[in-house]
Amino acid sequence: MGELRVLFFAAARQAAGCADATVACEAEGICEAVFWERLLASYPSLASLRGSVRVAKNCEYLAAGEDFRPGDEAALIPPVSGG
């Protein structure tokens, strides 16, 4: 079993209380639902953001049905606004 690195940005960083973490990941990979299950087990305060954050994998937004593999880097990116 390996792991993937998770980066937290903006409100996700505040909710997690840290800038990054790791999530266990089997060699065959894990789906987004399992990723969230494992992440929320360690950082339950992120639950309120789940519906509003975008998940990126290796600097690209995660596509529907795409899995994480050991060594991947995930990022939780809350909505942003600008002007």
N, C-alpha and C. Protein backbone atom coordinates (compact mmCIF):
# COMPACT_ATOMS: atom_id res chain seq x y z
N MET A 1 0.85 -1.18 0.00
CA MET A 1 0.00 0.00 0.00
C MET A 1 0.89 1.24 0.00
N GLY A 2 0.50 2.21 -0.78
CA GLY A 2 1.23 3.47 -0.85
C GLY A 2 0.38 4.59 -0.29
N GLU A 3 0.70 5.78 -0.73
CA GLU A 3 -0.07 6.93 -0.28
C GLU A 3 -0.04 8.01 -1.33
N LEU A 4 -0.96 8.94 -1.21
CA LEU A 4 -0.96 10.11 -2.07
C LEU A 4 -0.93 11.34 -1.18
N ARG A 5 -0.34 12.38 -1.70
CA ARG A 5 -0.23 13.63 -0.96
C ARG A 5 -1.44 14.49 -1.28
N VAL A 6 -1.97 15.16 -0.26
CA VAL A 6 -3.12 16.04 -0.42
C VAL A 6 -2.72 17.45 0.00
N LEU A 7 -2.97 18.41 -0.87
CA LEU A 7 -2.70 19.82 -0.58
C LEU A 7 -4.02 20.52 -0.29
N PHE A 8 -4.02 21.37 0.72
CA PHE A 8 -5.21 22.12 1.09
C PHE A 8 -4.99 23.60 0.77
N PHE A 9 -5.98 24.22 0.16
CA PHE A 9 -5.89 25.64 -0.18
C PHE A 9 -7.05 26.41 0.45
N ALA A 10 -6.79 27.68 0.78
CA ALA A 10 -7.80 28.63 1.27
C ALA A 10 -8.63 28.04 2.41
N ALA A 11 -9.96 27.99 2.26
CA ALA A 11 -10.84 27.52 3.33
C ALA A 11 -10.56 26.07 3.70
N ALA A 12 -10.12 25.27 2.75
CA ALA A 12 -9.78 23.87 3.05
C ALA A 12 -8.57 23.81 3.99
N ARG A 13 -7.63 24.70 3.79
CA ARG A 13 -6.46 24.76 4.67
C ARG A 13 -6.88 25.17 6.07
N GLN A 14 -7.76 26.13 6.16
CA GLN A 14 -8.26 26.57 7.47
C GLN A 14 -9.00 25.44 8.17
N ALA A 15 -9.86 24.75 7.45
CA ALA A 15 -10.64 23.67 8.04
C ALA A 15 -9.76 22.50 8.49
N ALA A 16 -8.76 22.17 7.69
CA ALA A 16 -7.88 21.05 8.02
C ALA A 16 -6.88 21.43 9.11
N GLY A 17 -6.54 22.71 9.18
CA GLY A 17 -5.56 23.16 10.16
C GLY A 17 -4.13 22.88 9.76
N CYS A 18 -3.93 22.55 8.48
CA CYS A 18 -2.58 22.29 7.97
C CYS A 18 -2.58 22.50 6.46
N ALA A 19 -1.39 22.53 5.88
CA ALA A 19 -1.26 22.79 4.45
C ALA A 19 -1.32 21.52 3.60
N ASP A 20 -0.95 20.38 4.20
CA ASP A 20 -0.95 19.15 3.42
C ASP A 20 -1.08 17.94 4.34
N ALA A 21 -1.37 16.80 3.72
CA ALA A 21 -1.56 15.55 4.45
C ALA A 21 -1.30 14.40 3.48
N THR A 22 -1.41 13.18 3.98
CA THR A 22 -1.32 12.01 3.12
C THR A 22 -2.55 11.13 3.35
N VAL A 23 -2.91 10.39 2.31
CA VAL A 23 -4.02 9.45 2.36
C VAL A 23 -3.50 8.11 1.86
N ALA A 24 -3.85 7.03 2.56
CA ALA A 24 -3.45 5.69 2.14
C ALA A 24 -4.09 5.35 0.80
N CYS A 25 -3.32 4.66 -0.03
CA CYS A 25 -3.80 4.33 -1.38
C CYS A 25 -3.26 2.97 -1.80
N GLU A 26 -4.16 2.05 -2.11
CA GLU A 26 -3.74 0.74 -2.58
C GLU A 26 -3.07 0.84 -3.95
N ALA A 27 -2.29 -0.15 -4.28
CA ALA A 27 -1.57 -0.16 -5.56
C ALA A 27 -2.50 -0.05 -6.75
N GLU A 28 -3.70 -0.64 -6.65
CA GLU A 28 -4.65 -0.59 -7.76
C GLU A 28 -5.40 0.73 -7.82
N GLY A 29 -5.21 1.57 -6.81
CA GLY A 29 -5.81 2.90 -6.80
C GLY A 29 -7.06 2.96 -5.95
N ILE A 30 -7.55 4.18 -5.75
CA ILE A 30 -8.80 4.40 -5.01
C ILE A 30 -9.63 5.42 -5.78
N CYS A 31 -10.94 5.28 -5.68
CA CYS A 31 -11.85 6.21 -6.34
C CYS A 31 -12.02 7.45 -5.46
N GLU A 32 -12.68 8.45 -6.00
CA GLU A 32 -12.87 9.70 -5.27
C GLU A 32 -13.67 9.50 -3.98
N ALA A 33 -14.65 8.61 -4.00
CA ALA A 33 -15.45 8.36 -2.80
C ALA A 33 -14.59 7.80 -1.66
N VAL A 34 -13.71 6.88 -1.98
CA VAL A 34 -12.82 6.30 -0.96
C VAL A 34 -11.82 7.35 -0.50
N PHE A 35 -11.33 8.16 -1.43
CA PHE A 35 -10.43 9.26 -1.08
C PHE A 35 -11.09 10.15 -0.02
N TRP A 36 -12.33 10.57 -0.26
CA TRP A 36 -13.04 11.42 0.69
C TRP A 36 -13.28 10.71 2.01
N GLU A 37 -13.65 9.44 1.96
CA GLU A 37 -13.89 8.68 3.18
C GLU A 37 -12.64 8.68 4.07
N ARG A 38 -11.51 8.42 3.47
CA ARG A 38 -10.26 8.36 4.23
C ARG A 38 -9.83 9.75 4.70
N LEU A 39 -10.02 10.73 3.85
CA LEU A 39 -9.63 12.09 4.21
C LEU A 39 -10.49 12.61 5.37
N LEU A 40 -11.80 12.38 5.29
CA LEU A 40 -12.70 12.86 6.34
C LEU A 40 -12.52 12.09 7.66
N ALA A 41 -12.00 10.88 7.61
CA ALA A 41 -11.72 10.15 8.84
C ALA A 41 -10.66 10.87 9.66
N SER A 42 -9.72 11.52 8.98
CA SER A 42 -8.65 12.26 9.67
C SER A 42 -8.98 13.74 9.84
N TYR A 43 -9.78 14.30 8.93
CA TYR A 43 -10.11 15.72 8.94
C TYR A 43 -11.61 15.92 8.79
N PRO A 44 -12.39 15.56 9.81
CA PRO A 44 -13.85 15.67 9.69
C PRO A 44 -14.35 17.09 9.45
N SER A 45 -13.55 18.08 9.80
CA SER A 45 -13.96 19.47 9.59
C SER A 45 -14.05 19.83 8.11
N LEU A 46 -13.53 18.99 7.24
CA LEU A 46 -13.62 19.25 5.80
C LEU A 46 -14.98 18.85 5.22
N ALA A 47 -15.78 18.14 5.98
CA ALA A 47 -17.07 17.64 5.48
C ALA A 47 -17.96 18.76 4.95
N SER A 48 -17.94 19.90 5.61
CA SER A 48 -18.80 21.01 5.18
C SER A 48 -18.37 21.60 3.84
N LEU A 49 -17.15 21.34 3.43
CA LEU A 49 -16.64 21.88 2.16
C LEU A 49 -16.77 20.90 1.00
N ARG A 50 -17.09 19.66 1.31
CA ARG A 50 -17.06 18.62 0.28
C ARG A 50 -17.87 18.97 -0.97
N GLY A 51 -19.04 19.56 -0.79
CA GLY A 51 -19.88 19.88 -1.94
C GLY A 51 -19.43 21.08 -2.74
N SER A 52 -18.50 21.87 -2.20
CA SER A 52 -18.12 23.09 -2.90
C SER A 52 -16.68 23.10 -3.42
N VAL A 53 -15.84 22.21 -2.94
CA VAL A 53 -14.45 22.22 -3.42
C VAL A 53 -14.30 21.37 -4.67
N ARG A 54 -13.34 21.74 -5.48
CA ARG A 54 -12.95 20.93 -6.63
C ARG A 54 -11.73 20.13 -6.22
N VAL A 55 -11.65 18.91 -6.69
CA VAL A 55 -10.50 18.06 -6.41
C VAL A 55 -9.65 18.01 -7.67
N ALA A 56 -8.37 18.26 -7.50
CA ALA A 56 -7.43 18.16 -8.62
C ALA A 56 -6.49 16.99 -8.37
N LYS A 57 -6.03 16.39 -9.44
CA LYS A 57 -5.06 15.29 -9.38
C LYS A 57 -3.89 15.66 -10.28
N ASN A 58 -2.72 15.76 -9.69
CA ASN A 58 -1.51 16.07 -10.45
C ASN A 58 -1.69 17.31 -11.32
N CYS A 59 -2.21 18.37 -10.71
CA CYS A 59 -2.37 19.70 -11.33
C CYS A 59 -3.46 19.80 -12.40
N GLU A 60 -4.36 18.82 -12.45
CA GLU A 60 -5.50 18.86 -13.38
C GLU A 60 -6.75 18.50 -12.59
N TYR A 61 -7.86 19.17 -12.87
CA TYR A 61 -9.08 18.82 -12.17
C TYR A 61 -9.42 17.35 -12.41
N LEU A 62 -9.86 16.67 -11.37
CA LEU A 62 -10.18 15.25 -11.42
C LEU A 62 -11.38 15.04 -12.33
N ALA A 63 -11.25 14.14 -13.27
CA ALA A 63 -12.35 13.81 -14.18
C ALA A 63 -13.27 12.78 -13.52
N ALA A 64 -14.51 12.78 -13.90
CA ALA A 64 -15.48 11.82 -13.36
C ALA A 64 -14.96 10.40 -13.61
N GLY A 65 -15.00 9.58 -12.58
CA GLY A 65 -14.57 8.19 -12.70
C GLY A 65 -13.06 7.97 -12.66
N GLU A 66 -12.30 9.04 -12.52
CA GLU A 66 -10.85 8.91 -12.49
C GLU A 66 -10.40 8.51 -11.08
N ASP A 67 -9.44 7.59 -11.01
CA ASP A 67 -8.95 7.11 -9.72
C ASP A 67 -7.62 7.75 -9.36
N PHE A 68 -7.30 7.67 -8.08
CA PHE A 68 -5.99 8.08 -7.58
C PHE A 68 -5.11 6.85 -7.48
N ARG A 69 -3.82 7.03 -7.73
CA ARG A 69 -2.83 5.97 -7.60
C ARG A 69 -1.78 6.41 -6.59
N PRO A 70 -1.07 5.47 -5.98
CA PRO A 70 0.01 5.85 -5.06
C PRO A 70 0.99 6.79 -5.76
N GLY A 71 1.42 7.82 -5.05
CA GLY A 71 2.35 8.80 -5.61
C GLY A 71 1.67 10.00 -6.24
N ASP A 72 0.36 9.92 -6.47
CA ASP A 72 -0.36 11.08 -7.02
C ASP A 72 -0.40 12.20 -5.99
N GLU A 73 -0.66 13.39 -6.49
CA GLU A 73 -0.84 14.55 -5.63
C GLU A 73 -2.26 15.07 -5.86
N ALA A 74 -3.03 15.15 -4.80
CA ALA A 74 -4.38 15.68 -4.85
C ALA A 74 -4.38 17.08 -4.26
N ALA A 75 -5.30 17.91 -4.70
CA ALA A 75 -5.45 19.25 -4.15
C ALA A 75 -6.93 19.55 -3.98
N LEU A 76 -7.27 20.13 -2.84
CA LEU A 76 -8.64 20.58 -2.60
C LEU A 76 -8.67 22.08 -2.86
N ILE A 77 -9.45 22.47 -3.87
CA ILE A 77 -9.48 23.85 -4.31
C ILE A 77 -10.88 24.42 -4.12
N PRO A 78 -11.05 25.27 -3.09
CA PRO A 78 -12.35 25.89 -2.85
C PRO A 78 -12.69 26.89 -3.98
N PRO A 79 -13.95 27.27 -4.08
CA PRO A 79 -14.32 28.28 -5.09
C PRO A 79 -13.53 29.57 -4.87
N VAL A 80 -13.20 30.20 -5.96
CA VAL A 80 -12.47 31.47 -5.88
C VAL A 80 -13.25 32.53 -6.63
N SER A 81 -13.05 33.75 -6.23
CA SER A 81 -13.66 34.85 -6.95
C SER A 81 -12.63 35.94 -7.12
N GLY A 82 -12.84 36.75 -8.05
CA GLY A 82 -11.88 37.82 -8.30
C GLY A 82 -12.56 38.97 -9.02
N GLY A 83 -11.80 39.94 -9.27
CA GLY A 83 -12.42 41.07 -9.94
C GLY A 83 -11.46 41.85 -10.74
